[in-house]
């Protein structure tokens, strides 16, 4: 008796697929920042997550405002979450950055954001460009 091969079909996964956009070091307004922002916005992600250095050179109020201007609609919709980076910490321990994002939870230096059953942990390394520790609570 010969066996006839049968085709096996993988089970269908019914969970909704979600997209999240992640980047870092976007803090210089201009053509590159605009191109990256437009690319990321085109994905229509649930959230935009930034890994620090959202404002160059030293995270002043003016630099923070200019660097995040391109994300105005997404910030208004509370879809942008960012960690402090070394450049963001250069001015007043990151206060301009923390004050700009009024909807960030907790102390705004580190926090978590939940989207359904996914939780993102946003962490501030607390180290300035010159290597000195600036995080008030240290690394522990």
N, C-alpha and C. Protein backbone atom coordinates (compact mmCIF):
# COMPACT_ATOMS: atom_id res chain seq x y z
N UNK A 1 0.84 -1.16 0.00
CA UNK A 1 0.00 0.00 0.00
C UNK A 1 0.90 1.24 0.00
N UNK A 2 0.68 2.12 -0.95
CA UNK A 2 1.50 3.33 -1.01
C UNK A 2 0.79 4.47 -0.28
N UNK A 3 1.59 5.30 0.34
CA UNK A 3 0.97 6.43 1.04
C UNK A 3 1.04 7.65 0.13
N UNK A 4 0.01 8.39 0.15
CA UNK A 4 -0.07 9.60 -0.67
C UNK A 4 0.20 10.78 0.25
N UNK A 5 1.22 11.60 -0.09
CA UNK A 5 1.51 12.74 0.78
C UNK A 5 0.32 13.70 0.82
N UNK A 6 0.08 14.23 1.97
CA UNK A 6 -0.99 15.22 2.11
C UNK A 6 -0.39 16.57 2.45
N UNK A 7 -1.09 17.57 2.08
CA UNK A 7 -0.62 18.93 2.35
C UNK A 7 -1.08 19.35 3.74
N UNK A 8 -0.15 19.88 4.52
CA UNK A 8 -0.48 20.36 5.85
C UNK A 8 -0.49 21.88 5.83
N UNK A 9 -1.53 22.44 6.38
CA UNK A 9 -1.66 23.89 6.43
C UNK A 9 -1.45 24.34 7.87
N UNK A 10 -0.59 25.32 8.05
CA UNK A 10 -0.33 25.84 9.38
C UNK A 10 -1.60 26.47 9.95
N UNK A 11 -1.80 26.36 11.25
CA UNK A 11 -2.99 26.99 11.85
C UNK A 11 -2.93 28.50 11.68
N UNK A 12 -4.09 29.09 11.61
CA UNK A 12 -4.19 30.54 11.45
C UNK A 12 -4.08 31.20 12.82
N UNK A 13 -3.26 32.22 12.88
CA UNK A 13 -3.11 33.00 14.11
C UNK A 13 -4.08 34.16 14.03
N UNK A 14 -5.01 34.24 14.97
CA UNK A 14 -6.07 35.23 14.87
C UNK A 14 -5.84 36.51 15.68
N UNK A 15 -4.73 36.60 16.39
CA UNK A 15 -4.48 37.81 17.16
C UNK A 15 -4.23 38.98 16.21
N UNK A 16 -4.68 40.16 16.59
CA UNK A 16 -4.45 41.32 15.72
C UNK A 16 -2.96 41.64 15.64
N UNK A 17 -2.53 42.03 14.48
CA UNK A 17 -1.13 42.43 14.32
C UNK A 17 -1.03 43.92 14.61
N UNK A 18 0.02 44.27 15.34
CA UNK A 18 0.22 45.66 15.69
C UNK A 18 1.61 46.09 15.25
N UNK A 19 1.74 47.37 15.00
CA UNK A 19 3.01 47.94 14.59
C UNK A 19 3.41 49.00 15.61
N UNK A 20 4.70 48.99 15.97
CA UNK A 20 5.26 50.00 16.86
C UNK A 20 6.50 50.58 16.16
N UNK A 21 6.65 51.88 16.20
CA UNK A 21 7.79 52.53 15.57
C UNK A 21 8.79 52.92 16.65
N UNK A 22 10.06 52.53 16.47
CA UNK A 22 11.09 52.80 17.46
C UNK A 22 12.31 53.41 16.78
N UNK A 23 12.88 54.43 17.41
CA UNK A 23 14.10 55.05 16.90
C UNK A 23 14.79 55.81 18.03
N UNK A 24 15.92 56.37 17.72
CA UNK A 24 16.64 57.21 18.68
C UNK A 24 17.44 58.26 17.92
N UNK A 25 18.01 59.19 18.65
CA UNK A 25 18.89 60.20 18.07
C UNK A 25 18.24 60.94 16.92
N UNK A 26 17.02 61.36 17.10
CA UNK A 26 16.31 62.07 16.03
C UNK A 26 16.30 63.58 16.24
N UNK A 27 17.06 64.08 17.21
CA UNK A 27 16.91 65.43 17.69
C UNK A 27 17.43 66.58 16.87
N UNK A 28 17.74 66.39 15.61
CA UNK A 28 18.20 67.51 14.79
C UNK A 28 17.17 67.74 13.68
N UNK A 29 16.36 68.80 13.82
CA UNK A 29 15.37 69.08 12.78
C UNK A 29 16.03 69.29 11.42
N UNK A 30 15.40 68.80 10.38
CA UNK A 30 15.93 68.96 9.03
C UNK A 30 15.42 67.86 8.12
N UNK A 31 16.06 67.72 6.97
CA UNK A 31 15.60 66.77 5.96
C UNK A 31 15.61 65.33 6.44
N UNK A 32 16.65 64.91 7.13
CA UNK A 32 16.72 63.52 7.58
C UNK A 32 15.64 63.24 8.62
N UNK A 33 15.48 64.15 9.58
CA UNK A 33 14.44 63.95 10.59
C UNK A 33 13.07 63.89 9.94
N UNK A 34 12.81 64.75 8.99
CA UNK A 34 11.52 64.77 8.30
C UNK A 34 11.30 63.47 7.53
N UNK A 35 12.31 62.99 6.83
CA UNK A 35 12.18 61.75 6.06
C UNK A 35 11.90 60.57 6.98
N UNK A 36 12.62 60.48 8.09
CA UNK A 36 12.41 59.37 9.03
C UNK A 36 11.02 59.48 9.66
N UNK A 37 10.62 60.67 10.07
CA UNK A 37 9.30 60.86 10.67
C UNK A 37 8.20 60.48 9.70
N UNK A 38 8.31 60.91 8.46
CA UNK A 38 7.28 60.58 7.47
C UNK A 38 7.22 59.08 7.20
N UNK A 39 8.38 58.43 7.16
CA UNK A 39 8.41 56.98 6.98
C UNK A 39 7.69 56.29 8.14
N UNK A 40 8.05 56.67 9.37
CA UNK A 40 7.45 56.05 10.55
C UNK A 40 5.94 56.32 10.62
N UNK A 41 5.53 57.53 10.32
CA UNK A 41 4.11 57.86 10.35
C UNK A 41 3.33 57.06 9.31
N UNK A 42 3.97 56.75 8.19
CA UNK A 42 3.33 55.96 7.14
C UNK A 42 3.00 54.54 7.56
N UNK A 43 3.66 54.06 8.59
CA UNK A 43 3.37 52.70 9.10
C UNK A 43 2.10 52.68 9.94
N UNK A 44 1.61 53.86 10.34
CA UNK A 44 0.44 53.99 11.20
C UNK A 44 0.56 53.12 12.46
N UNK A 45 1.64 53.30 13.22
CA UNK A 45 1.86 52.47 14.39
C UNK A 45 0.94 52.83 15.56
N UNK A 46 0.82 51.89 16.48
CA UNK A 46 0.06 52.13 17.71
C UNK A 46 0.74 53.21 18.55
N UNK A 47 2.08 53.09 18.67
CA UNK A 47 2.87 54.02 19.47
C UNK A 47 4.19 54.31 18.76
N UNK A 48 4.74 55.48 19.07
CA UNK A 48 6.08 55.86 18.62
C UNK A 48 6.97 55.88 19.87
N UNK A 49 8.04 55.10 19.85
CA UNK A 49 8.92 55.00 21.01
C UNK A 49 10.30 55.51 20.63
N UNK A 50 10.85 56.37 21.47
CA UNK A 50 12.15 56.99 21.19
C UNK A 50 13.12 56.65 22.30
N UNK A 51 14.32 56.25 21.91
CA UNK A 51 15.31 55.76 22.85
C UNK A 51 16.31 56.80 23.30
N UNK A 52 15.94 58.06 23.29
CA UNK A 52 16.81 59.10 23.82
C UNK A 52 17.42 59.99 22.76
N UNK A 53 18.00 61.07 23.22
CA UNK A 53 18.59 62.10 22.38
C UNK A 53 17.57 62.67 21.40
N UNK A 54 16.47 63.13 21.99
CA UNK A 54 15.42 63.74 21.21
C UNK A 54 15.68 65.21 20.92
N UNK A 55 16.70 65.80 21.55
CA UNK A 55 17.00 67.22 21.33
C UNK A 55 18.50 67.45 21.44
N UNK A 56 19.11 67.79 20.33
CA UNK A 56 20.53 68.15 20.31
C UNK A 56 20.63 69.67 20.35
N UNK A 57 21.60 70.26 20.84
CA UNK A 57 22.85 69.79 21.38
C UNK A 57 22.75 69.47 22.85
N UNK A 58 21.97 70.24 23.59
CA UNK A 58 21.99 70.04 25.03
C UNK A 58 20.61 70.04 25.68
N UNK A 59 19.56 69.79 24.90
CA UNK A 59 18.23 69.64 25.47
C UNK A 59 17.63 70.89 26.08
N UNK A 60 17.95 72.05 25.51
CA UNK A 60 17.34 73.28 26.01
C UNK A 60 15.86 73.31 25.64
N UNK A 61 15.11 74.23 26.24
CA UNK A 61 13.69 74.37 25.92
C UNK A 61 13.49 74.59 24.43
N UNK A 62 14.29 75.48 23.84
CA UNK A 62 14.16 75.78 22.40
C UNK A 62 14.48 74.54 21.56
N UNK A 63 15.53 73.80 21.92
CA UNK A 63 15.90 72.60 21.17
C UNK A 63 14.83 71.52 21.28
N UNK A 64 14.28 71.33 22.46
CA UNK A 64 13.23 70.34 22.66
C UNK A 64 12.01 70.70 21.82
N UNK A 65 11.59 71.95 21.88
CA UNK A 65 10.42 72.39 21.09
C UNK A 65 10.64 72.19 19.60
N UNK A 66 11.82 72.55 19.10
CA UNK A 66 12.11 72.41 17.67
C UNK A 66 12.19 70.95 17.25
N UNK A 67 12.83 70.13 18.08
CA UNK A 67 13.03 68.73 17.71
C UNK A 67 11.74 67.93 17.68
N UNK A 68 10.79 68.27 18.53
CA UNK A 68 9.54 67.51 18.60
C UNK A 68 8.41 68.12 17.79
N UNK A 69 8.65 69.26 17.13
CA UNK A 69 7.59 69.93 16.37
C UNK A 69 6.99 69.03 15.30
N UNK A 70 7.80 68.22 14.67
CA UNK A 70 7.31 67.36 13.59
C UNK A 70 6.36 66.27 14.10
N UNK A 71 6.36 66.03 15.40
CA UNK A 71 5.52 65.00 16.01
C UNK A 71 4.31 65.60 16.73
N UNK A 72 3.96 66.85 16.41
CA UNK A 72 2.92 67.57 17.12
C UNK A 72 1.59 66.80 17.20
N UNK A 73 1.12 66.27 16.09
CA UNK A 73 -0.16 65.55 16.09
C UNK A 73 -0.09 64.27 16.92
N UNK A 74 1.00 63.55 16.80
CA UNK A 74 1.16 62.29 17.53
C UNK A 74 1.32 62.54 19.03
N UNK A 75 1.97 63.64 19.39
CA UNK A 75 2.09 64.00 20.80
C UNK A 75 0.72 64.39 21.35
N UNK A 76 -0.04 65.16 20.58
CA UNK A 76 -1.39 65.54 21.01
C UNK A 76 -2.26 64.31 21.24
N UNK A 77 -2.04 63.25 20.46
CA UNK A 77 -2.79 62.00 20.60
C UNK A 77 -2.18 61.07 21.65
N UNK A 78 -1.13 61.54 22.33
CA UNK A 78 -0.42 60.76 23.35
C UNK A 78 0.06 59.41 22.82
N UNK A 79 0.65 59.45 21.61
CA UNK A 79 1.18 58.24 20.99
C UNK A 79 2.71 58.23 20.96
N UNK A 80 3.35 59.27 21.53
CA UNK A 80 4.81 59.38 21.53
C UNK A 80 5.32 59.21 22.95
N UNK A 81 6.28 58.29 23.12
CA UNK A 81 6.91 58.07 24.42
C UNK A 81 8.41 58.03 24.21
N UNK A 82 9.12 58.78 25.03
CA UNK A 82 10.56 58.92 24.83
C UNK A 82 11.33 58.77 26.13
N UNK A 83 12.50 58.17 25.99
CA UNK A 83 13.45 58.10 27.10
C UNK A 83 14.37 59.30 27.01
N UNK A 84 14.89 59.70 28.15
CA UNK A 84 15.92 60.73 28.15
C UNK A 84 17.22 60.12 27.65
N UNK A 85 17.95 60.89 26.88
CA UNK A 85 19.29 60.49 26.45
C UNK A 85 20.31 61.45 27.03
N UNK A 86 21.57 61.18 26.75
CA UNK A 86 22.61 62.03 27.33
C UNK A 86 22.48 63.48 26.89
N UNK A 87 22.10 63.74 25.64
CA UNK A 87 21.94 65.13 25.20
C UNK A 87 20.73 65.79 25.88
N UNK A 88 19.68 65.02 26.09
CA UNK A 88 18.49 65.55 26.75
C UNK A 88 18.78 65.94 28.20
N UNK A 89 19.75 65.29 28.80
CA UNK A 89 20.08 65.53 30.21
C UNK A 89 21.02 66.71 30.43
N UNK A 90 21.58 67.24 29.37
CA UNK A 90 22.59 68.30 29.51
C UNK A 90 22.02 69.56 30.14
N UNK A 91 20.75 69.86 29.90
CA UNK A 91 20.14 71.08 30.44
C UNK A 91 19.25 70.73 31.62
N UNK A 92 19.65 71.20 32.79
CA UNK A 92 18.82 71.10 34.00
C UNK A 92 18.31 69.68 34.23
N UNK A 93 19.20 68.69 34.07
CA UNK A 93 18.88 67.27 34.32
C UNK A 93 17.66 66.79 33.53
N UNK A 94 17.47 67.34 32.34
CA UNK A 94 16.39 66.89 31.47
C UNK A 94 15.04 67.53 31.74
N UNK A 95 15.00 68.55 32.56
CA UNK A 95 13.71 69.18 32.88
C UNK A 95 12.96 69.71 31.65
N UNK A 96 13.63 70.35 30.67
CA UNK A 96 12.87 70.80 29.49
C UNK A 96 12.16 69.64 28.78
N UNK A 97 12.82 68.51 28.66
CA UNK A 97 12.23 67.32 28.03
C UNK A 97 11.06 66.81 28.88
N UNK A 98 11.28 66.67 30.18
CA UNK A 98 10.24 66.15 31.07
C UNK A 98 9.02 67.07 31.09
N UNK A 99 9.25 68.36 31.09
CA UNK A 99 8.14 69.32 31.13
C UNK A 99 7.38 69.38 29.80
N UNK A 100 8.07 69.10 28.71
CA UNK A 100 7.43 69.13 27.39
C UNK A 100 6.38 68.04 27.27
N UNK A 101 6.68 66.86 27.78
CA UNK A 101 5.76 65.72 27.71
C UNK A 101 4.97 65.62 29.00
N UNK A 102 3.91 66.40 29.08
CA UNK A 102 3.13 66.49 30.32
C UNK A 102 2.37 65.20 30.62
N UNK A 103 2.11 64.36 29.63
CA UNK A 103 1.31 63.16 29.86
C UNK A 103 2.14 61.94 30.25
N UNK A 104 3.46 62.05 30.26
CA UNK A 104 4.27 60.91 30.68
C UNK A 104 3.95 60.57 32.13
N UNK A 105 3.83 59.28 32.45
CA UNK A 105 3.51 58.91 33.83
C UNK A 105 4.72 59.01 34.76
N UNK A 106 4.44 58.94 36.05
CA UNK A 106 5.49 58.87 37.07
C UNK A 106 6.40 60.08 37.06
N UNK A 107 7.68 59.82 37.24
CA UNK A 107 8.66 60.90 37.33
C UNK A 107 9.18 61.36 35.97
N UNK A 108 8.71 60.73 34.90
CA UNK A 108 9.06 61.06 33.51
C UNK A 108 10.51 60.75 33.16
N UNK A 109 11.28 60.26 34.08
CA UNK A 109 12.66 59.84 33.78
C UNK A 109 12.68 58.37 33.42
N UNK A 110 11.83 57.59 34.05
CA UNK A 110 11.64 56.19 33.69
C UNK A 110 10.21 55.82 34.06
N UNK A 111 9.59 55.01 33.23
CA UNK A 111 8.18 54.68 33.39
C UNK A 111 7.86 53.52 32.46
N UNK A 112 6.66 53.02 32.56
CA UNK A 112 6.23 52.00 31.62
C UNK A 112 4.95 52.45 30.93
N UNK A 113 4.75 51.94 29.73
CA UNK A 113 3.59 52.26 28.92
C UNK A 113 2.99 50.93 28.46
N UNK A 114 1.71 50.78 28.65
CA UNK A 114 1.04 49.53 28.28
C UNK A 114 0.12 49.78 27.08
N UNK A 115 0.16 48.86 26.14
CA UNK A 115 -0.77 48.85 25.02
C UNK A 115 -1.34 47.44 24.96
N UNK A 116 -2.54 47.28 25.47
CA UNK A 116 -3.13 45.95 25.55
C UNK A 116 -2.30 45.08 26.48
N UNK A 117 -1.85 43.93 25.98
CA UNK A 117 -1.05 43.04 26.82
C UNK A 117 0.45 43.22 26.60
N UNK A 118 0.84 44.31 25.97
CA UNK A 118 2.26 44.61 25.76
C UNK A 118 2.64 45.79 26.64
N UNK A 119 3.74 45.64 27.37
CA UNK A 119 4.21 46.72 28.22
C UNK A 119 5.63 47.10 27.83
N UNK A 120 5.84 48.38 27.60
CA UNK A 120 7.16 48.91 27.26
C UNK A 120 7.73 49.62 28.48
N UNK A 121 9.00 49.36 28.76
CA UNK A 121 9.67 50.02 29.87
C UNK A 121 10.61 51.08 29.30
N UNK A 122 10.37 52.32 29.64
CA UNK A 122 11.13 53.45 29.14
C UNK A 122 12.12 53.83 30.24
N UNK A 123 13.41 53.69 29.94
CA UNK A 123 14.43 53.88 30.97
C UNK A 123 15.38 55.02 30.62
N UNK A 124 15.75 55.78 31.62
CA UNK A 124 16.74 56.83 31.51
C UNK A 124 18.06 56.26 32.02
N UNK A 125 19.10 56.27 31.20
CA UNK A 125 20.39 55.75 31.64
C UNK A 125 21.01 56.64 32.70
N UNK A 126 20.72 57.93 32.67
CA UNK A 126 21.21 58.85 33.69
C UNK A 126 22.65 59.26 33.54
N UNK A 127 23.25 59.04 32.37
CA UNK A 127 24.66 59.38 32.18
C UNK A 127 24.77 60.48 31.13
N UNK A 128 25.43 61.56 31.49
CA UNK A 128 25.63 62.68 30.57
C UNK A 128 26.71 62.35 29.54
N UNK A 129 26.82 63.21 28.54
CA UNK A 129 27.81 63.03 27.46
C UNK A 129 29.23 62.91 27.98
N UNK A 130 29.55 63.62 29.08
CA UNK A 130 30.92 63.58 29.61
C UNK A 130 31.15 62.37 30.52
N UNK A 131 30.13 61.49 30.67
CA UNK A 131 30.28 60.28 31.45
C UNK A 131 29.88 60.41 32.91
N UNK A 132 29.48 61.59 33.35
CA UNK A 132 29.08 61.76 34.74
C UNK A 132 27.64 61.32 34.95
N UNK A 133 27.38 60.81 36.14
CA UNK A 133 26.04 60.37 36.50
C UNK A 133 25.19 61.58 36.83
N UNK A 134 24.01 61.65 36.23
CA UNK A 134 23.10 62.76 36.50
C UNK A 134 21.77 62.27 37.05
N UNK A 135 21.45 61.00 36.90
CA UNK A 135 20.19 60.47 37.43
C UNK A 135 20.20 60.58 38.96
N UNK A 136 19.22 61.30 39.52
CA UNK A 136 19.22 61.51 40.97
C UNK A 136 19.18 60.22 41.79
N UNK A 137 18.60 59.16 41.23
CA UNK A 137 18.50 57.91 41.96
C UNK A 137 19.62 56.93 41.61
N UNK A 138 20.58 57.37 40.81
CA UNK A 138 21.71 56.50 40.44
C UNK A 138 21.28 55.37 39.52
N UNK A 139 22.08 54.33 39.44
CA UNK A 139 21.80 53.20 38.56
C UNK A 139 21.11 52.05 39.27
N UNK A 140 20.98 52.12 40.57
CA UNK A 140 20.40 51.00 41.29
C UNK A 140 18.92 51.24 41.59
